[in-house]
Amino acid sequence: MRLLLAEDEKDLSRALTAVLSHSGYTVDAAFDGVEALEFLEQNDYDIIVMDIMMPRMDGIEALKRIRENGDYTPVLLLTAKAEVDDRVTGLDAGADDYLTKPFAVKELLARVKSMTRRNSGYQPTNLSFGSVTLNTEKQEATSENSISLALKETKLLEFFMLNPDKELSTERIFDHVWKNDETVTADVVWMYVSFLRSKLQSINADIEIAGEKDGCYVLKVI
């Protein structure tokens, strides 16, 4: 699983990166809110761990922008402040949980594991990008007309629409959509991308999935 750590205290960041990496997470470390947003423009993550007090842009403002951009990745806020108002402000901004410094590493790992296990409460039923709206409950994509999608097609298109204009590797897509299916190989990604391309064309969508087999794919407006 891939994790974004936004923490301006470099010694703490290095220590947490080492612990999280040892626990099996691939960690990208940002040292302020602006850098965190730059990472999010280029990559997708399973969870974000973010300090509130950071230079250039604090964690609350960065979190607000993340949610405004339609990114519903679970966020765990770290704060040295113990006041209830700060906790409420963070949760109102879209945080899924918070942890007050100083904290035990075991507790951080437990919170991260718990958050990656459950679905985010902010996950929307309807996603939109370009002219296309995806209803994940009905498994239906709509532009000039509508078309039904299979379950894996829905999950794949959902993943793309949660990460528009980002390069997603075949391995990353496979791990996200087929992570619990041991009966298939990564070749299935190309097959389902081909299915989705045909279905997007059939509803006259103004978006497309660019990319080649075994490489990276990007959902973008035509």
C-alpha atoms as a PDB file:
ATOM      1  CA  MET A   1       0.000   0.000   0.000  1.00  0.00           C
ATOM      2  CA  ARG A   2       1.144   3.518  -0.776  1.00  0.00           C
ATOM      3  CA  LEU A   3       1.109   6.214   1.899  1.00  0.00           C
ATOM      4  CA  LEU A   4       1.748   9.957   1.798  1.00  0.00           C
ATOM      5  CA  LEU A   5       3.347  11.343   4.953  1.00  0.00           C
ATOM      6  CA  ALA A   6       3.222  15.143   5.337  1.00  0.00           C
ATOM      7  CA  GLU A   7       5.304  16.121   8.363  1.00  0.00           C
ATOM      8  CA  ASP A   8       7.630  19.134   8.605  1.00  0.00           C
ATOM      9  CA  GLU A   9       9.740  17.825  11.513  1.00  0.00           C
ATOM     10  CA  LYS A  10      12.392  16.038   9.465  1.00  0.00           C
ATOM     11  CA  ASP A  11      13.711  13.797  12.238  1.00  0.00           C
ATOM     12  CA  LEU A  12      10.183  12.623  13.018  1.00  0.00           C
ATOM     13  CA  SER A  13       9.447  12.225   9.308  1.00  0.00           C
ATOM     14  CA  ARG A  14      12.515  10.023   8.819  1.00  0.00           C
ATOM     15  CA  ALA A  15      11.611   7.916  11.857  1.00  0.00           C
ATOM     16  CA  LEU A  16       7.993   7.454  10.775  1.00  0.00           C
ATOM     17  CA  THR A  17       9.026   6.689   7.194  1.00  0.00           C
ATOM     18  CA  ALA A  18      11.358   3.947   8.459  1.00  0.00           C
ATOM     19  CA  VAL A  19       8.678   2.418  10.691  1.00  0.00           C
ATOM     20  CA  LEU A  20       5.955   2.552   8.031  1.00  0.00           C
ATOM     21  CA  SER A  21       8.273   1.170   5.348  1.00  0.00           C
ATOM     22  CA  HIS A  22       9.255  -1.687   7.664  1.00  0.00           C
ATOM     23  CA  SER A  23       5.530  -2.395   8.096  1.00  0.00           C
ATOM     24  CA  GLY A  24       5.085  -2.833   4.356  1.00  0.00           C
ATOM     25  CA  TYR A  25       3.987   0.630   3.208  1.00  0.00           C
ATOM     26  CA  THR A  26       5.543   2.506   0.309  1.00  0.00           C
ATOM     27  CA  VAL A  27       6.013   6.006   1.741  1.00  0.00           C
ATOM     28  CA  ASP A  28       6.370   9.380   0.027  1.00  0.00           C
ATOM     29  CA  ALA A  29       7.436  12.124   2.446  1.00  0.00           C
ATOM     30  CA  ALA A  30       6.350  15.765   2.070  1.00  0.00           C
ATOM     31  CA  PHE A  31       7.517  18.507   4.416  1.00  0.00           C
ATOM     32  CA  ASP A  32       4.739  21.064   3.994  1.00  0.00           C
ATOM     33  CA  GLY A  33       1.186  21.335   2.708  1.00  0.00           C
ATOM     34  CA  VAL A  34       2.156  22.676  -0.710  1.00  0.00           C
ATOM     35  CA  GLU A  35       4.530  19.772  -1.339  1.00  0.00           C
ATOM     36  CA  ALA A  36       1.838  17.333  -0.194  1.00  0.00           C
ATOM     37  CA  LEU A  37      -0.571  18.700  -2.804  1.00  0.00           C
ATOM     38  CA  GLU A  38       2.130  18.415  -5.461  1.00  0.00           C
ATOM     39  CA  PHE A  39       2.596  14.720  -4.606  1.00  0.00           C
ATOM     40  CA  LEU A  40      -1.170  14.216  -4.849  1.00  0.00           C
ATOM     41  CA  GLU A  41      -1.254  15.762  -8.313  1.00  0.00           C
ATOM     42  CA  GLN A  42       1.099  13.057  -9.550  1.00  0.00           C
ATOM     43  CA  ASN A  43       0.205   9.971  -7.497  1.00  0.00           C
ATOM     44  CA  ASP A  44      -2.651   8.178  -5.798  1.00  0.00           C
ATOM     45  CA  TYR A  45      -2.455   6.907  -2.224  1.00  0.00           C
ATOM     46  CA  ASP A  46      -4.250   4.456   0.033  1.00  0.00           C
ATOM     47  CA  ILE A  47      -3.922   6.800   3.010  1.00  0.00           C
ATOM     48  CA  ILE A  48      -2.540  10.238   3.898  1.00  0.00           C
ATOM     49  CA  VAL A  49      -0.945  10.972   7.276  1.00  0.00           C
ATOM     50  CA  MET A  50      -0.697  14.736   7.682  1.00  0.00           C
ATOM     51  CA  ASP A  51       0.525  17.064  10.407  1.00  0.00           C
ATOM     52  CA  ILE A  52      -1.641  20.134  11.060  1.00  0.00           C
ATOM     53  CA  MET A  53       1.135  22.618  11.832  1.00  0.00           C
ATOM     54  CA  MET A  54       3.290  22.892   8.688  1.00  0.00           C
ATOM     55  CA  PRO A  55       4.974  25.784   6.840  1.00  0.00           C
ATOM     56  CA  ARG A  56       3.749  27.349   3.552  1.00  0.00           C
ATOM     57  CA  MET A  57       0.342  25.672   3.954  1.00  0.00           C
ATOM     58  CA  ASP A  58      -0.974  24.029   7.107  1.00  0.00           C
ATOM     59  CA  GLY A  59      -2.622  20.633   7.189  1.00  0.00           C
ATOM     60  CA  ILE A  60      -6.172  21.971   7.548  1.00  0.00           C
ATOM     61  CA  GLU A  61      -5.914  24.135   4.426  1.00  0.00           C
ATOM     62  CA  ALA A  62      -4.226  21.326   2.488  1.00  0.00           C
ATOM     63  CA  LEU A  63      -6.963  18.928   3.558  1.00  0.00           C
ATOM     64  CA  LYS A  64      -9.695  21.345   2.454  1.00  0.00           C
ATOM     65  CA  ARG A  65      -8.079  21.589  -0.985  1.00  0.00           C
ATOM     66  CA  ILE A  66      -7.733  17.811  -1.216  1.00  0.00           C
ATOM     67  CA  ARG A  67     -11.453  17.363  -0.607  1.00  0.00           C
ATOM     68  CA  GLU A  68     -12.374  20.259  -2.914  1.00  0.00           C
ATOM     69  CA  ASN A  69     -10.415  18.488  -5.657  1.00  0.00           C
ATOM     70  CA  GLY A  70     -12.640  15.443  -5.240  1.00  0.00           C
ATOM     71  CA  ASP A  71      -9.957  13.311  -3.577  1.00  0.00           C
ATOM     72  CA  TYR A  72     -11.501  11.060  -0.917  1.00  0.00           C
ATOM     73  CA  THR A  73      -8.355   9.283   0.228  1.00  0.00           C
ATOM     74  CA  PRO A  74      -8.575   8.563   3.986  1.00  0.00           C
ATOM     75  CA  VAL A  75      -6.662  11.196   5.997  1.00  0.00           C
ATOM     76  CA  LEU A  76      -5.182  10.822   9.485  1.00  0.00           C
ATOM     77  CA  LEU A  77      -4.268  14.193  11.009  1.00  0.00           C
ATOM     78  CA  LEU A  78      -1.366  14.578  13.433  1.00  0.00           C
ATOM     79  CA  THR A  79      -1.404  17.493  15.848  1.00  0.00           C
ATOM     80  CA  ALA A  80       0.486  18.695  18.885  1.00  0.00           C
ATOM     81  CA  LYS A  81      -2.614  20.600  19.961  1.00  0.00           C
ATOM     82  CA  ALA A  82      -5.000  18.950  22.402  1.00  0.00           C
ATOM     83  CA  GLU A  83      -7.880  21.432  22.204  1.00  0.00           C
ATOM     84  CA  VAL A  84     -11.242  20.012  21.170  1.00  0.00           C
ATOM     85  CA  ASP A  85     -11.765  22.873  18.687  1.00  0.00           C
ATOM     86  CA  ASP A  86      -8.707  21.812  16.680  1.00  0.00           C
ATOM     87  CA  ARG A  87      -9.959  18.251  16.468  1.00  0.00           C
ATOM     88  CA  VAL A  88     -13.403  19.385  15.371  1.00  0.00           C
ATOM     89  CA  THR A  89     -11.916  21.747  12.759  1.00  0.00           C
ATOM     90  CA  GLY A  90      -9.894  18.904  11.286  1.00  0.00           C
ATOM     91  CA  LEU A  91     -12.827  16.504  11.161  1.00  0.00           C
ATOM     92  CA  ASP A  92     -15.057  19.186   9.641  1.00  0.00           C
ATOM     93  CA  ALA A  93     -12.434  19.796   6.948  1.00  0.00           C
ATOM     94  CA  GLY A  94     -12.690  16.156   5.886  1.00  0.00           C
ATOM     95  CA  ALA A  95     -10.290  14.206   8.114  1.00  0.00           C
ATOM     96  CA  ASP A  96     -11.192  10.604   8.873  1.00  0.00           C
ATOM     97  CA  ASP A  97      -9.294  10.445  12.165  1.00  0.00           C
ATOM     98  CA  TYR A  98      -6.729  12.340  14.250  1.00  0.00           C
ATOM     99  CA  LEU A  99      -3.824  11.473  16.528  1.00  0.00           C
ATOM    100  CA  THR A 100      -2.394  13.831  19.118  1.00  0.00           C
ATOM    101  CA  LYS A 101       1.367  14.154  19.565  1.00  0.00           C
ATOM    102  CA  PRO A 102       3.223  12.616  21.280  1.00  0.00           C
ATOM    103  CA  PHE A 103       1.868   9.225  20.266  1.00  0.00           C
ATOM    104  CA  ALA A 104       3.022   5.622  20.432  1.00  0.00           C
ATOM    105  CA  VAL A 105       4.188   4.196  17.116  1.00  0.00           C
ATOM    106  CA  LYS A 106       2.028   1.119  17.733  1.00  0.00           C
ATOM    107  CA  GLU A 107      -1.042   3.344  17.940  1.00  0.00           C
ATOM    108  CA  LEU A 108      -0.167   5.109  14.681  1.00  0.00           C
ATOM    109  CA  LEU A 109       0.261   1.771  12.910  1.00  0.00           C
ATOM    110  CA  ALA A 110      -3.033   0.523  14.336  1.00  0.00           C
ATOM    111  CA  ARG A 111      -4.882   3.640  13.154  1.00  0.00           C
ATOM    112  CA  VAL A 112      -3.339   3.430   9.685  1.00  0.00           C
ATOM    113  CA  LYS A 113      -4.172  -0.265   9.365  1.00  0.00           C
ATOM    114  CA  SER A 114      -7.739   0.332  10.508  1.00  0.00           C
ATOM    115  CA  MET A 115      -8.273   3.192   8.067  1.00  0.00           C
ATOM    116  CA  THR A 116      -6.948   1.264   5.081  1.00  0.00           C
ATOM    117  CA  ARG A 117      -9.259  -1.637   5.971  1.00  0.00           C
ATOM    118  CA  ARG A 118     -12.482   0.313   5.969  1.00  0.00           C
ATOM    119  CA  ASN A 119     -14.112   2.345   3.262  1.00  0.00           C
ATOM    120  CA  SER A 120     -13.881   6.119   3.587  1.00  0.00           C
ATOM    121  CA  GLY A 121     -17.086   7.774   4.740  1.00  0.00           C
ATOM    122  CA  TYR A 122     -16.521  10.438   2.114  1.00  0.00           C
ATOM    123  CA  GLN A 123     -16.666   8.050  -0.851  1.00  0.00           C
ATOM    124  CA  PRO A 124     -19.335   9.374  -3.246  1.00  0.00           C
ATOM    125  CA  THR A 125     -21.891   7.279  -5.127  1.00  0.00           C
ATOM    126  CA  ASN A 126     -21.695   9.542  -8.183  1.00  0.00           C
ATOM    127  CA  LEU A 127     -18.407  10.602  -9.763  1.00  0.00           C
ATOM    128  CA  SER A 128     -18.039  13.039 -12.648  1.00  0.00           C
ATOM    129  CA  PHE A 129     -15.209  13.851 -15.023  1.00  0.00           C
ATOM    130  CA  GLY A 130     -15.621  15.612 -18.334  1.00  0.00           C
ATOM    131  CA  SER A 131     -19.049  14.746 -19.725  1.00  0.00           C
ATOM    132  CA  VAL A 132     -19.205  11.402 -17.917  1.00  0.00           C
ATOM    133  CA  THR A 133     -21.008  10.597 -14.684  1.00  0.00           C
ATOM    134  CA  LEU A 134     -20.434   7.228 -13.019  1.00  0.00           C
ATOM    135  CA  ASN A 135     -23.037   5.834 -10.627  1.00  0.00           C
ATOM    136  CA  THR A 136     -21.186   3.167  -8.653  1.00  0.00           C
ATOM    137  CA  GLU A 137     -24.339   1.712  -7.095  1.00  0.00           C
ATOM    138  CA  LYS A 138     -26.182   1.279 -10.391  1.00  0.00           C
ATOM    139  CA  GLN A 139     -22.915   0.376 -12.181  1.00  0.00           C
ATOM    140  CA  GLU A 140     -23.810   2.814 -14.929  1.00  0.00           C
ATOM    141  CA  ALA A 141     -21.838   5.381 -16.937  1.00  0.00           C
ATOM    142  CA  THR A 142     -23.673   8.311 -18.507  1.00  0.00           C
ATOM    143  CA  SER A 143     -22.729  10.961 -21.073  1.00  0.00           C
ATOM    144  CA  GLU A 144     -24.981  11.589 -24.091  1.00  0.00           C
ATOM    145  CA  ASN A 145     -26.577   8.255 -23.213  1.00  0.00           C
ATOM    146  CA  SER A 146     -26.056   5.571 -20.589  1.00  0.00           C
ATOM    147  CA  ILE A 147     -24.453   2.147 -20.519  1.00  0.00           C
ATOM    148  CA  SER A 148     -24.305  -0.597 -17.896  1.00  0.00           C
ATOM    149  CA  LEU A 149     -20.934  -1.738 -16.592  1.00  0.00           C
ATOM    150  CA  ALA A 150     -19.739  -4.996 -15.101  1.00  0.00           C
ATOM    151  CA  LEU A 151     -18.540  -4.887 -11.480  1.00  0.00           C
ATOM    152  CA  LYS A 152     -14.816  -4.811 -12.347  1.00  0.00           C
ATOM    153  CA  GLU A 153     -15.449  -2.234 -15.092  1.00  0.00           C
ATOM    154  CA  THR A 154     -17.171  -0.067 -12.500  1.00  0.00           C
ATOM    155  CA  LYS A 155     -14.304  -0.427 -10.026  1.00  0.00           C
ATOM    156  CA  LEU A 156     -11.751   0.321 -12.728  1.00  0.00           C
ATOM    157  CA  LEU A 157     -13.549   3.408 -14.010  1.00  0.00           C
ATOM    158  CA  GLU A 158     -14.101   4.550 -10.430  1.00  0.00           C
ATOM    159  CA  PHE A 159     -10.361   4.297  -9.766  1.00  0.00           C
ATOM    160  CA  PHE A 160      -9.584   6.323 -12.878  1.00  0.00           C
ATOM    161  CA  MET A 161     -12.204   8.974 -12.041  1.00  0.00           C
ATOM    162  CA  LEU A 162     -10.865   9.341  -8.508  1.00  0.00           C
ATOM    163  CA  ASN A 163      -7.433   9.964 -10.057  1.00  0.00           C
ATOM    164  CA  PRO A 164      -8.026  11.955 -13.257  1.00  0.00           C
ATOM    165  CA  ASP A 165      -5.004  13.183 -15.234  1.00  0.00           C
ATOM    166  CA  LYS A 166      -2.678  10.974 -13.174  1.00  0.00           C
ATOM    167  CA  GLU A 167      -0.427   8.266 -14.597  1.00  0.00           C
ATOM    168  CA  LEU A 168      -1.481   4.952 -13.062  1.00  0.00           C
ATOM    169  CA  SER A 169       0.786   1.974 -13.647  1.00  0.00           C
ATOM    170  CA  THR A 170      -0.584  -1.406 -14.691  1.00  0.00           C
ATOM    171  CA  GLU A 171       0.703  -2.850 -11.405  1.00  0.00           C
ATOM    172  CA  ARG A 172      -0.978  -0.140  -9.345  1.00  0.00           C
ATOM    173  CA  ILE A 173      -4.307  -0.625 -11.131  1.00  0.00           C
ATOM    174  CA  PHE A 174      -4.099  -4.392 -10.766  1.00  0.00           C
ATOM    175  CA  ASP A 175      -3.324  -4.159  -7.049  1.00  0.00           C
ATOM    176  CA  HIS A 176      -6.258  -1.807  -6.480  1.00  0.00           C
ATOM    177  CA  VAL A 177      -8.977  -3.502  -8.546  1.00  0.00           C
ATOM    178  CA  TRP A 178      -7.945  -7.169  -8.422  1.00  0.00           C
ATOM    179  CA  LYS A 179      -5.927  -7.279  -5.197  1.00  0.00           C
ATOM    180  CA  ASN A 180      -7.936 -10.157  -3.672  1.00  0.00           C
ATOM    181  CA  ASP A 181      -8.279 -12.183  -6.861  1.00  0.00           C
ATOM    182  CA  GLU A 182      -5.529 -14.794  -7.170  1.00  0.00           C
ATOM    183  CA  THR A 183      -7.065 -16.347 -10.299  1.00  0.00           C
ATOM    184  CA  VAL A 184      -5.969 -13.607 -12.722  1.00  0.00           C
ATOM    185  CA  THR A 185      -2.750 -11.875 -13.780  1.00  0.00           C
ATOM    186  CA  ALA A 186      -1.967  -8.248 -14.580  1.00  0.00           C
ATOM    187  CA  ASP A 187      -2.842  -8.934 -18.237  1.00  0.00           C
ATOM    188  CA  VAL A 188      -6.475  -8.492 -17.187  1.00  0.00           C
ATOM    189  CA  VAL A 189      -5.881  -4.733 -16.825  1.00  0.00           C
ATOM    190  CA  TRP A 190      -5.355  -4.258 -20.564  1.00  0.00           C
ATOM    191  CA  MET A 191      -8.443  -6.315 -21.338  1.00  0.00           C
ATOM    192  CA  TYR A 192     -10.689  -4.232 -19.073  1.00  0.00           C
ATOM    193  CA  VAL A 193      -9.171  -0.953 -20.239  1.00  0.00           C
ATOM    194  CA  SER A 194     -10.134  -2.050 -23.765  1.00  0.00           C
ATOM    195  CA  PHE A 195     -13.673  -2.818 -22.604  1.00  0.00           C
ATOM    196  CA  LEU A 196     -13.993   0.617 -20.989  1.00  0.00           C
ATOM    197  CA  ARG A 197     -12.596   2.406 -24.027  1.00  0.00           C
ATOM    198  CA  SER A 198     -15.316   0.850 -26.189  1.00  0.00           C
ATOM    199  CA  LYS A 199     -18.036   1.710 -23.704  1.00  0.00           C
ATOM    200  CA  LEU A 200     -16.885   5.318 -23.324  1.00  0.00           C
ATOM    201  CA  GLN A 201     -16.955   5.683 -27.103  1.00  0.00           C
ATOM    202  CA  SER A 202     -20.454   4.187 -27.250  1.00  0.00           C
ATOM    203  CA  ILE A 203     -21.843   6.930 -24.980  1.00  0.00           C
ATOM    204  CA  ASN A 204     -19.947   9.675 -26.875  1.00  0.00           C
ATOM    205  CA  ALA A 205     -17.835  10.557 -23.856  1.00  0.00           C
ATOM    206  CA  ASP A 206     -15.366  13.424 -24.089  1.00  0.00           C
ATOM    207  CA  ILE A 207     -12.833  11.518 -21.975  1.00  0.00           C
ATOM    208  CA  GLU A 208     -10.504   8.664 -22.855  1.00  0.00           C
ATOM    209  CA  ILE A 209      -8.071   6.250 -21.234  1.00  0.00           C
ATOM    210  CA  ALA A 210      -4.683   6.864 -22.804  1.00  0.00           C
ATOM    211  CA  GLY A 211      -1.819   4.385 -22.536  1.00  0.00           C
ATOM    212  CA  GLU A 212      -0.436   1.118 -23.857  1.00  0.00           C
ATOM    213  CA  LYS A 213      -0.469  -2.482 -22.641  1.00  0.00           C
ATOM    214  CA  ASP A 214       1.773  -3.155 -19.610  1.00  0.00           C
ATOM    215  CA  GLY A 215       2.503   0.563 -19.241  1.00  0.00           C
ATOM    216  CA  CYS A 216       0.830   3.481 -17.501  1.00  0.00           C
ATOM    217  CA  TYR A 217      -2.696   4.730 -18.175  1.00  0.00           C
ATOM    218  CA  VAL A 218      -4.197   8.197 -17.809  1.00  0.00           C
ATOM    219  CA  LEU A 219      -7.860   9.225 -17.830  1.00  0.00           C
ATOM    220  CA  LYS A 220      -8.055  12.584 -19.576  1.00  0.00           C
ATOM    221  CA  VAL A 221     -10.428  14.875 -21.429  1.00  0.00           C
ATOM    222  CA  ILE A 222     -10.123  14.547 -25.195  1.00  0.00           C
END
